[in-house]
Amino acid sequence: EWWSTGGTAYNQFDAQMISVTNITPAVLNVDFMLAPGARIRGTVTDSVGVGLEGVKVVIRDFDNRTPLASARSNAAGGYRVNVIPGKYLVVARNKTIQPYASEIYDGSAGTNDRNYGIPVTVSVLSSTSIDFALADGRQLSGTITDNNVPVSGMRVMIDNVEGGSADRVRTNMLGEYRIWLRPDTYEVYAYGQRDLNVDLNAGNQTIDFSGTVKAVSALLQDSGGNPLSQVKFRLYDPAGPTYLGNEISNSDGTVTIYTNLPGNHVAEFRIDRASSVGGNIYLDQTQLASGTPVDVDVTDNLGTVTLPDGGILTGHVYAGSAGDTTNPLANFSIEVLSGGIDPVENRFTRTRTRGDGSYVLTIPPGTYERVKMRDATDADLGRGNCDNIVISASAITTVNYFDGDDTCP
């Protein structure tokens, strides 16, 4: 549990900050009353069953990926952590010097893509065993510096090419980062810079990021003036539009994003989770191509940005024909088009399905001409088109897609 005066917080984004000064001696009463929980436990080993010490097992909310709790494996590879009842994504993250790949639990051999991880559902007072057998890995490491000065606490994002997130890691006080991953090709984003073809099939890789970058900040709030946390502030080069990276807003609504590209950028505030607030394109747009440009050469602070009330678009994607829910499809692209059906001019936002085939976006109320369901092999050939989807404020709209017969009942 995280501390908050307004009630219980189960993730860091909902926690409340406290101020500690040396000016006026004071006693801060920070009390906790823990709710009955559920236990997730298990072992982290290598491929032949030898325990691995120091691997961090992270428990994330399955729907929005927010980290809730973590534990490190002991000398025998065992770990144990208690959480509230719920549905979770469980990840074994290896940042030690041991050469074993981090792994996301998928019920079988593990995966390096969060979109293929399956939910682990736990009930109150239960104990669930989740074991990891880590494969041999490749190390991705490097430093982040600004004019030769280390940048500490900076988030490094590692994504699978044309897929979901592989991992996230932060730099230490020396600006260094390190993570072990499965052999594969990755996209790496850090400090407003990117390397889109990091090939770990060839061996360990060192990727350094350096140089002075532009920074753009904002304070995000809802229509009632309340700060908004866990909102993805994303930047695009409008020529593509090409995705440049994202940062996530803090518990007080503040967020800062970086870029090393000069000139105009398009900013998106994406909410790919259930919320009462709708994500949009800056300022109050629902088309990426016509979004209000942000000139990063002259603008370093957008000030207070108020996001509108929103409605939830959610559902599942299945491999079979209508009514057959036996085979959910993971990592399936969901694109929302606004103002028309052109996949470039009318593109608004997108997300991908999780390991159970589910997806969720919270967007402003309106009628969206098309919600396009498309996997990695399907060009825009008229298939997977769910048309005229109505979103109402504070309401849930469910759109399921059946890939077997290309229908949206």
Protein backbone atom coordinates (compact mmCIF):
# COMPACT_ATOMS: atom_id res chain seq x y z
CA GLU A 1 0.00 0.00 0.00
CA TRP A 2 1.10 3.57 -0.75
CA TRP A 3 0.21 6.40 1.61
CA SER A 4 -2.47 8.95 0.77
CA THR A 5 -4.58 11.17 3.01
CA GLY A 6 -7.57 10.80 0.70
CA GLY A 7 -7.71 7.02 1.00
CA THR A 8 -5.76 3.92 0.15
CA ALA A 9 -3.40 4.01 -2.82
CA TYR A 10 -2.14 0.80 -4.40
CA ASN A 11 0.26 2.30 -6.92
CA GLN A 12 2.85 5.03 -6.80
CA PHE A 13 0.95 7.32 -9.17
CA ASP A 14 -1.95 7.53 -6.70
CA ALA A 15 0.32 8.13 -3.71
CA GLN A 16 0.52 11.52 -2.04
CA MET A 17 3.77 13.38 -1.56
CA ILE A 18 4.91 14.48 1.90
CA SER A 19 7.25 17.38 2.64
CA VAL A 20 10.14 17.00 5.05
CA THR A 21 12.17 20.12 5.91
CA ASN A 22 14.85 21.02 8.42
CA ILE A 23 13.40 24.44 9.14
CA THR A 24 10.65 23.57 11.61
CA PRO A 25 11.04 20.28 13.50
CA ALA A 26 7.85 18.29 13.13
CA VAL A 27 6.42 14.82 13.51
CA LEU A 28 4.67 13.43 10.44
CA ASN A 29 1.98 10.87 11.17
CA VAL A 30 1.94 8.48 8.23
CA ASP A 31 -0.33 5.61 9.22
CA PHE A 32 -1.34 2.53 7.27
CA MET A 33 -4.25 0.12 7.65
CA LEU A 34 -3.56 -2.83 5.38
CA ALA A 35 -6.43 -4.66 3.72
CA PRO A 36 -6.62 -8.48 3.52
CA GLY A 37 -4.39 -9.53 0.64
CA ALA A 38 -3.46 -12.34 -1.71
CA ARG A 39 -0.02 -13.90 -2.07
CA ILE A 40 1.97 -14.43 -5.24
CA ARG A 41 5.06 -16.55 -4.71
CA GLY A 42 7.42 -18.79 -6.62
CA THR A 43 10.99 -19.31 -7.77
CA VAL A 44 13.29 -17.78 -10.34
CA THR A 45 15.77 -20.28 -11.79
CA ASP A 46 17.90 -20.85 -14.84
CA SER A 47 16.87 -23.37 -17.50
CA VAL A 48 18.13 -26.35 -15.45
CA GLY A 49 16.51 -25.31 -12.18
CA VAL A 50 19.35 -23.53 -10.36
CA GLY A 51 18.02 -20.66 -8.26
CA LEU A 52 18.90 -17.11 -9.33
CA GLU A 53 19.36 -14.49 -6.64
CA GLY A 54 18.53 -10.79 -6.91
CA VAL A 55 16.09 -10.93 -9.83
CA LYS A 56 13.28 -8.43 -9.34
CA VAL A 57 9.76 -9.84 -9.73
CA VAL A 58 7.38 -6.98 -10.56
CA ILE A 59 3.61 -7.21 -10.12
CA ARG A 60 1.76 -4.87 -12.50
CA ASP A 61 -1.92 -4.10 -12.92
CA PHE A 62 -2.88 -6.18 -15.95
CA ASP A 63 -5.10 -3.59 -17.63
CA ASN A 64 -2.97 -0.45 -17.32
CA ARG A 65 0.51 -1.90 -16.62
CA THR A 66 1.01 0.22 -13.51
CA PRO A 67 3.58 -1.35 -11.15
CA LEU A 68 1.98 -2.18 -7.80
CA ALA A 69 4.53 -4.25 -5.87
CA SER A 70 7.81 -6.09 -6.27
CA ALA A 71 10.17 -8.50 -4.54
CA ARG A 72 13.70 -9.75 -5.19
CA SER A 73 14.51 -13.43 -5.33
CA ASN A 74 16.57 -14.83 -2.45
CA ALA A 75 19.68 -17.04 -2.61
CA ALA A 76 17.55 -20.06 -3.55
CA GLY A 77 15.62 -18.11 -6.18
CA GLY A 78 12.47 -17.83 -4.07
CA TYR A 79 10.30 -14.72 -3.86
CA ARG A 80 7.05 -13.73 -2.15
CA VAL A 81 4.86 -10.64 -2.38
CA ASN A 82 1.37 -9.77 -1.11
CA VAL A 83 -1.13 -7.70 -3.10
CA ILE A 84 -4.82 -6.89 -2.99
CA PRO A 85 -7.13 -9.25 -4.92
CA GLY A 86 -7.06 -8.46 -8.61
CA LYS A 87 -5.74 -9.25 -12.08
CA TYR A 88 -2.00 -8.85 -12.64
CA LEU A 89 0.86 -9.08 -15.10
CA VAL A 90 3.89 -10.74 -13.50
CA VAL A 91 7.39 -9.93 -14.77
CA ALA A 92 10.85 -11.24 -13.80
CA ARG A 93 13.27 -8.38 -14.49
CA ASN A 94 16.98 -9.20 -14.39
CA LYS A 95 19.29 -6.22 -13.85
CA THR A 96 21.97 -8.25 -12.04
CA ILE A 97 25.27 -9.33 -13.62
CA GLN A 98 23.90 -12.84 -14.20
CA PRO A 99 23.43 -13.44 -17.97
CA TYR A 100 19.77 -14.50 -18.00
CA ALA A 101 16.97 -12.84 -19.94
CA SER A 102 14.13 -11.00 -18.27
CA GLU A 103 10.79 -12.70 -18.79
CA ILE A 104 7.07 -11.94 -18.79
CA TYR A 105 4.77 -14.69 -17.51
CA ASP A 106 2.59 -16.18 -20.27
CA GLY A 107 1.71 -19.54 -18.73
CA SER A 108 4.29 -21.51 -20.68
CA ALA A 109 7.85 -20.70 -21.80
CA GLY A 110 7.63 -16.97 -21.08
CA THR A 111 7.74 -14.03 -23.47
CA ASN A 112 9.63 -10.78 -24.02
CA ASP A 113 6.50 -8.83 -25.00
CA ARG A 114 4.05 -7.55 -22.39
CA ASN A 115 1.21 -7.79 -24.89
CA TYR A 116 1.56 -11.58 -24.82
CA GLY A 117 1.62 -11.86 -21.03
CA ILE A 118 -1.50 -13.49 -19.58
CA PRO A 119 -3.42 -12.26 -16.54
CA VAL A 120 -2.77 -13.78 -13.13
CA THR A 121 -6.00 -13.43 -11.12
CA VAL A 122 -5.80 -13.77 -7.34
CA SER A 123 -8.52 -13.75 -4.68
CA VAL A 124 -8.40 -12.66 -1.04
CA LEU A 125 -6.34 -14.92 1.27
CA SER A 126 -5.21 -17.07 -1.67
CA SER A 127 -1.65 -18.13 -2.55
CA THR A 128 -0.70 -18.42 -6.24
CA SER A 129 2.57 -19.92 -7.48
CA ILE A 130 4.25 -18.30 -10.48
CA ASP A 131 7.66 -19.75 -11.39
CA PHE A 132 10.20 -18.45 -13.89
CA ALA A 133 12.92 -20.41 -15.71
CA LEU A 134 15.01 -17.71 -17.37
CA ALA A 135 16.64 -18.38 -20.73
CA ASP A 136 20.15 -17.23 -21.61
CA GLY A 137 20.09 -13.51 -22.30
CA ARG A 138 21.85 -10.64 -23.98
CA GLN A 139 22.78 -7.50 -22.08
CA LEU A 140 21.58 -4.07 -23.17
CA SER A 141 23.49 -1.36 -21.32
CA GLY A 142 24.75 2.17 -21.71
CA THR A 143 24.82 5.67 -20.32
CA ILE A 144 22.81 8.86 -20.70
CA THR A 145 24.73 12.13 -20.52
CA ASP A 146 24.01 15.79 -21.23
CA ASN A 147 27.16 17.76 -22.10
CA ASN A 148 29.16 14.93 -20.48
CA VAL A 149 27.10 15.22 -17.26
CA PRO A 150 25.34 11.96 -16.22
CA VAL A 151 21.53 12.08 -16.31
CA SER A 152 20.20 10.03 -13.39
CA GLY A 153 16.69 8.65 -12.97
CA MET A 154 15.99 8.81 -16.70
CA ARG A 155 13.60 6.19 -18.09
CA VAL A 156 14.86 3.94 -20.89
CA MET A 157 12.05 2.31 -22.88
CA ILE A 158 12.71 -0.96 -24.72
CA ASP A 159 10.02 -2.03 -27.19
CA ASN A 160 9.72 -4.99 -29.50
CA VAL A 161 9.79 -4.03 -33.18
CA GLU A 162 6.16 -3.76 -34.35
CA GLY A 163 5.03 -5.06 -30.97
CA GLY A 164 4.54 -4.19 -27.34
CA SER A 165 6.81 -3.19 -24.54
CA ALA A 166 9.69 -5.46 -23.56
CA ASP A 167 10.83 -3.55 -20.47
CA ARG A 168 11.50 -0.20 -18.85
CA VAL A 169 14.56 0.67 -16.77
CA ARG A 170 15.98 3.85 -15.19
CA THR A 171 19.54 5.17 -15.04
CA ASN A 172 21.47 5.23 -11.77
CA MET A 173 23.28 8.26 -10.32
CA LEU A 174 26.11 7.75 -12.82
CA GLY A 175 23.69 7.82 -15.75
CA GLU A 176 24.12 4.07 -16.31
CA TYR A 177 21.48 1.48 -17.14
CA ARG A 178 21.58 -2.29 -17.62
CA ILE A 179 19.01 -4.98 -18.43
CA TRP A 180 19.17 -8.56 -19.74
CA LEU A 181 16.79 -9.46 -22.59
CA ARG A 182 16.08 -12.34 -24.94
CA PRO A 183 17.95 -12.33 -28.27
CA ASP A 184 15.76 -10.23 -30.58
CA THR A 185 15.63 -6.84 -32.29
CA TYR A 186 14.40 -3.91 -30.20
CA GLU A 187 13.56 -0.23 -30.36
CA VAL A 188 15.14 1.81 -27.56
CA TYR A 189 13.94 5.28 -26.53
CA ALA A 190 15.68 7.47 -23.95
CA TYR A 191 16.01 11.16 -23.18
CA GLY A 192 14.33 12.31 -26.37
CA GLN A 193 16.52 10.10 -28.56
CA ARG A 194 15.99 6.70 -30.13
CA ASP A 195 17.69 3.74 -31.72
CA LEU A 196 15.17 1.70 -33.71
CA ASN A 197 17.31 -1.30 -34.64
CA VAL A 198 19.12 -2.67 -31.60
CA ASP A 199 20.01 -6.25 -32.58
CA LEU A 200 20.60 -8.43 -29.53
CA ASN A 201 20.69 -11.52 -31.73
CA ALA A 202 24.30 -10.61 -32.49
CA GLY A 203 25.32 -10.36 -28.83
CA ASN A 204 25.41 -7.83 -26.02
CA GLN A 205 24.88 -4.21 -27.06
CA THR A 206 25.95 -0.88 -25.56
CA ILE A 207 23.70 2.02 -26.53
CA ASP A 208 24.68 5.43 -25.19
CA PHE A 209 22.53 8.54 -25.44
CA SER A 210 24.21 11.93 -25.20
CA GLY A 211 23.76 15.57 -26.10
CA THR A 212 21.52 18.43 -25.12
CA VAL A 213 17.82 17.94 -25.86
CA LYS A 214 14.67 20.03 -25.85
CA ALA A 215 12.27 19.62 -22.92
CA VAL A 216 8.53 20.34 -22.94
CA SER A 217 6.53 20.22 -19.69
CA ALA A 218 2.82 20.30 -18.87
CA LEU A 219 0.47 20.11 -15.91
CA LEU A 220 -2.44 17.80 -16.69
CA GLN A 221 -5.83 18.12 -14.99
CA ASP A 222 -9.44 17.04 -15.46
CA SER A 223 -12.43 19.35 -15.92
CA GLY A 224 -12.71 19.68 -12.15
CA GLY A 225 -9.13 20.87 -11.75
CA ASN A 226 -7.86 17.59 -10.28
CA PRO A 227 -4.35 16.47 -11.30
CA LEU A 228 -4.17 13.58 -13.77
CA SER A 229 -1.62 10.82 -13.30
CA GLN A 230 -0.68 7.91 -15.58
CA VAL A 231 -1.41 9.87 -18.77
CA LYS A 232 1.01 9.17 -21.63
CA PHE A 233 2.41 12.39 -23.10
CA ARG A 234 3.53 11.33 -26.59
CA LEU A 235 5.43 13.32 -29.22
CA TYR A 236 5.30 12.82 -33.00
CA ASP A 237 7.17 14.23 -35.94
CA PRO A 238 4.20 15.45 -38.04
CA ALA A 239 5.88 14.48 -41.33
CA GLY A 240 5.12 10.79 -40.67
CA PRO A 241 3.63 11.11 -38.28
CA THR A 242 6.62 9.37 -36.69
CA TYR A 243 6.48 8.41 -33.02
CA LEU A 244 9.33 9.96 -31.03
CA GLY A 245 8.66 8.69 -27.50
CA ASN A 246 6.53 9.26 -24.42
CA GLU A 247 6.61 10.02 -20.73
CA ILE A 248 3.94 9.38 -18.09
CA SER A 249 2.44 12.04 -15.83
CA ASN A 250 3.15 11.95 -12.09
CA SER A 251 0.69 11.89 -9.19
CA ASP A 252 0.57 15.71 -9.17
CA GLY A 253 -0.19 15.85 -12.92
CA THR A 254 3.25 17.08 -13.95
CA VAL A 255 5.04 15.57 -16.92
CA THR A 256 8.13 16.44 -18.98
CA ILE A 257 9.06 14.96 -22.33
CA TYR A 258 12.29 15.36 -24.31
CA THR A 259 13.32 15.43 -27.96
CA ASN A 260 16.51 16.01 -29.92
CA LEU A 261 14.62 17.02 -33.07
CA PRO A 262 14.02 20.77 -33.57
CA GLY A 263 10.90 22.52 -34.84
CA ASN A 264 7.25 21.59 -34.75
CA HIS A 265 5.92 18.45 -33.07
CA VAL A 266 2.45 17.02 -32.52
CA ALA A 267 1.57 16.08 -28.94
CA GLU A 268 -0.89 13.41 -27.84
CA PHE A 269 -2.23 12.73 -24.37
CA ARG A 270 -3.14 9.04 -24.46
CA ILE A 271 -5.17 7.19 -21.82
CA ASP A 272 -5.08 3.47 -22.63
CA ARG A 273 -6.90 2.40 -19.49
CA ALA A 274 -10.35 2.85 -17.98
CA SER A 275 -10.78 6.45 -16.82
CA SER A 276 -13.36 9.23 -16.53
CA VAL A 277 -11.12 11.49 -18.63
CA GLY A 278 -10.57 11.29 -22.37
CA GLY A 279 -7.19 11.47 -24.04
CA ASN A 280 -6.82 13.72 -27.08
CA ILE A 281 -4.43 15.57 -29.38
CA TYR A 282 -3.16 18.95 -28.16
CA LEU A 283 -5.26 21.21 -28.16
CA ASP A 284 -8.61 19.35 -27.96
CA GLN A 285 -8.16 17.67 -31.34
CA THR A 286 -9.02 14.12 -32.42
CA GLN A 287 -6.90 13.96 -35.58
CA LEU A 288 -3.17 13.47 -35.25
CA ALA A 289 -2.34 14.89 -38.68
CA SER A 290 -4.09 18.21 -37.94
CA GLY A 291 -2.99 18.54 -34.32
CA THR A 292 -1.87 21.92 -33.01
CA PRO A 293 1.90 22.11 -33.58
CA VAL A 294 4.27 22.59 -30.66
CA ASP A 295 7.49 24.39 -31.64
CA VAL A 296 10.02 22.92 -29.21
CA ASP A 297 12.55 25.61 -30.14
CA VAL A 298 10.42 28.30 -28.51
CA THR A 299 8.09 26.38 -26.16
CA ASP A 300 9.30 24.57 -23.06
CA ASN A 301 6.05 24.58 -21.06
CA LEU A 302 2.50 24.02 -22.25
CA GLY A 303 1.18 25.20 -18.89
CA THR A 304 -2.01 23.68 -17.53
CA VAL A 305 -3.71 21.33 -19.98
CA THR A 306 -7.30 20.33 -19.18
CA LEU A 307 -8.40 17.03 -20.69
CA PRO A 308 -12.11 16.50 -21.42
CA ASP A 309 -14.52 14.08 -19.79
CA GLY A 310 -14.28 10.76 -21.55
CA GLY A 311 -15.98 7.51 -22.40
CA ILE A 312 -14.43 4.06 -22.37
CA LEU A 313 -13.91 2.03 -25.55
CA THR A 314 -13.12 -1.57 -24.71
CA GLY A 315 -13.53 -5.11 -25.90
CA HIS A 316 -11.72 -8.23 -27.06
CA VAL A 317 -10.33 -9.57 -30.32
CA TYR A 318 -10.84 -13.26 -31.10
CA ALA A 319 -9.43 -15.52 -33.82
CA GLY A 320 -12.68 -17.35 -34.59
CA SER A 321 -15.98 -16.33 -36.15
CA ALA A 322 -18.71 -14.35 -34.40
CA GLY A 323 -19.61 -15.89 -31.04
CA ASP A 324 -16.45 -18.00 -30.77
CA THR A 325 -14.50 -16.61 -27.79
CA THR A 326 -12.21 -19.60 -27.27
CA ASN A 327 -9.10 -18.11 -28.89
CA PRO A 328 -8.30 -14.49 -27.97
CA LEU A 329 -5.67 -12.70 -30.04
CA ALA A 330 -2.85 -10.77 -28.37
CA ASN A 331 -0.86 -7.82 -29.78
CA PHE A 332 -3.62 -6.91 -32.25
CA SER A 333 -3.60 -3.25 -33.32
CA ILE A 334 -6.70 -1.15 -32.56
CA GLU A 335 -6.85 2.18 -34.42
CA VAL A 336 -9.46 4.90 -33.89
CA LEU A 337 -10.24 7.16 -36.89
CA SER A 338 -12.04 10.48 -36.48
CA GLY A 339 -13.73 12.69 -39.08
CA GLY A 340 -13.40 10.17 -41.90
CA ILE A 341 -11.92 6.80 -42.81
CA ASP A 342 -8.55 7.76 -44.27
CA PRO A 343 -5.97 5.82 -42.21
CA VAL A 344 -3.50 8.75 -42.28
CA GLU A 345 -5.54 11.96 -42.38
CA ASN A 346 -8.16 10.71 -39.92
CA ARG A 347 -5.97 8.76 -37.52
CA PHE A 348 -6.66 9.65 -33.91
CA THR A 349 -5.14 7.12 -31.54
CA ARG A 350 -4.32 3.45 -31.21
CA THR A 351 -3.55 0.66 -28.77
CA ARG A 352 -2.90 -3.09 -28.86
CA THR A 353 -4.64 -6.04 -27.29
CA ARG A 354 -3.21 -7.71 -24.18
CA GLY A 355 -2.47 -11.38 -23.66
CA ASP A 356 -6.16 -12.16 -23.06
CA GLY A 357 -7.24 -10.36 -26.24
CA SER A 358 -8.56 -7.33 -24.36
CA TYR A 359 -8.01 -3.66 -25.10
CA VAL A 360 -9.13 -0.36 -23.56
CA LEU A 361 -8.95 3.33 -24.47
CA THR A 362 -10.65 6.34 -22.90
CA ILE A 363 -11.46 9.01 -25.49
CA PRO A 364 -13.70 12.11 -25.78
CA PRO A 365 -17.42 11.63 -26.50
CA GLY A 366 -18.40 11.52 -30.16
CA THR A 367 -19.06 9.30 -33.14
CA TYR A 368 -15.90 7.77 -34.55
CA GLU A 369 -16.19 6.84 -38.20
CA ARG A 370 -14.04 3.77 -37.86
CA VAL A 371 -12.35 1.59 -35.27
CA LYS A 372 -9.89 -0.43 -37.32
CA MET A 373 -8.83 -3.87 -36.12
CA ARG A 374 -5.60 -4.86 -37.82
CA ASP A 375 -2.85 -7.36 -37.12
CA ALA A 376 0.73 -7.00 -38.31
CA THR A 377 0.07 -8.76 -41.64
CA ASP A 378 -3.17 -6.99 -42.59
CA ALA A 379 -2.92 -3.79 -44.65
CA ASP A 380 -5.95 -1.50 -44.79
CA LEU A 381 -7.87 -3.71 -47.23
CA GLY A 382 -11.36 -3.02 -45.91
CA ARG A 383 -11.23 -5.83 -43.39
CA GLY A 384 -11.67 -5.37 -39.67
CA ASN A 385 -13.66 -2.17 -40.02
CA CYS A 386 -15.98 -1.40 -37.11
CA ASP A 387 -17.85 1.69 -38.28
CA ASN A 388 -19.72 4.55 -36.58
CA ILE A 389 -18.76 3.78 -33.00
CA VAL A 390 -20.54 6.08 -30.54
CA ILE A 391 -18.71 7.08 -27.35
CA SER A 392 -20.63 8.78 -24.53
CA ALA A 393 -19.16 10.49 -21.48
CA SER A 394 -18.93 8.25 -18.38
CA ALA A 395 -20.20 5.27 -20.39
CA ILE A 396 -18.60 2.02 -21.56
CA THR A 397 -18.81 1.08 -25.23
CA THR A 398 -17.85 -2.53 -25.93
CA VAL A 399 -16.65 -3.47 -29.41
CA ASN A 400 -15.54 -7.07 -29.89
CA TYR A 401 -13.93 -8.16 -33.13
CA PHE A 402 -13.90 -11.66 -34.60
CA ASP A 403 -11.01 -12.07 -37.03
CA GLY A 404 -12.33 -15.34 -38.45
CA ASP A 405 -15.18 -13.63 -40.33
CA ASP A 406 -14.12 -9.96 -39.96
CA THR A 407 -17.18 -8.98 -37.93
CA CYS A 408 -17.92 -6.51 -35.13
CA PRO A 409 -21.25 -7.71 -33.66
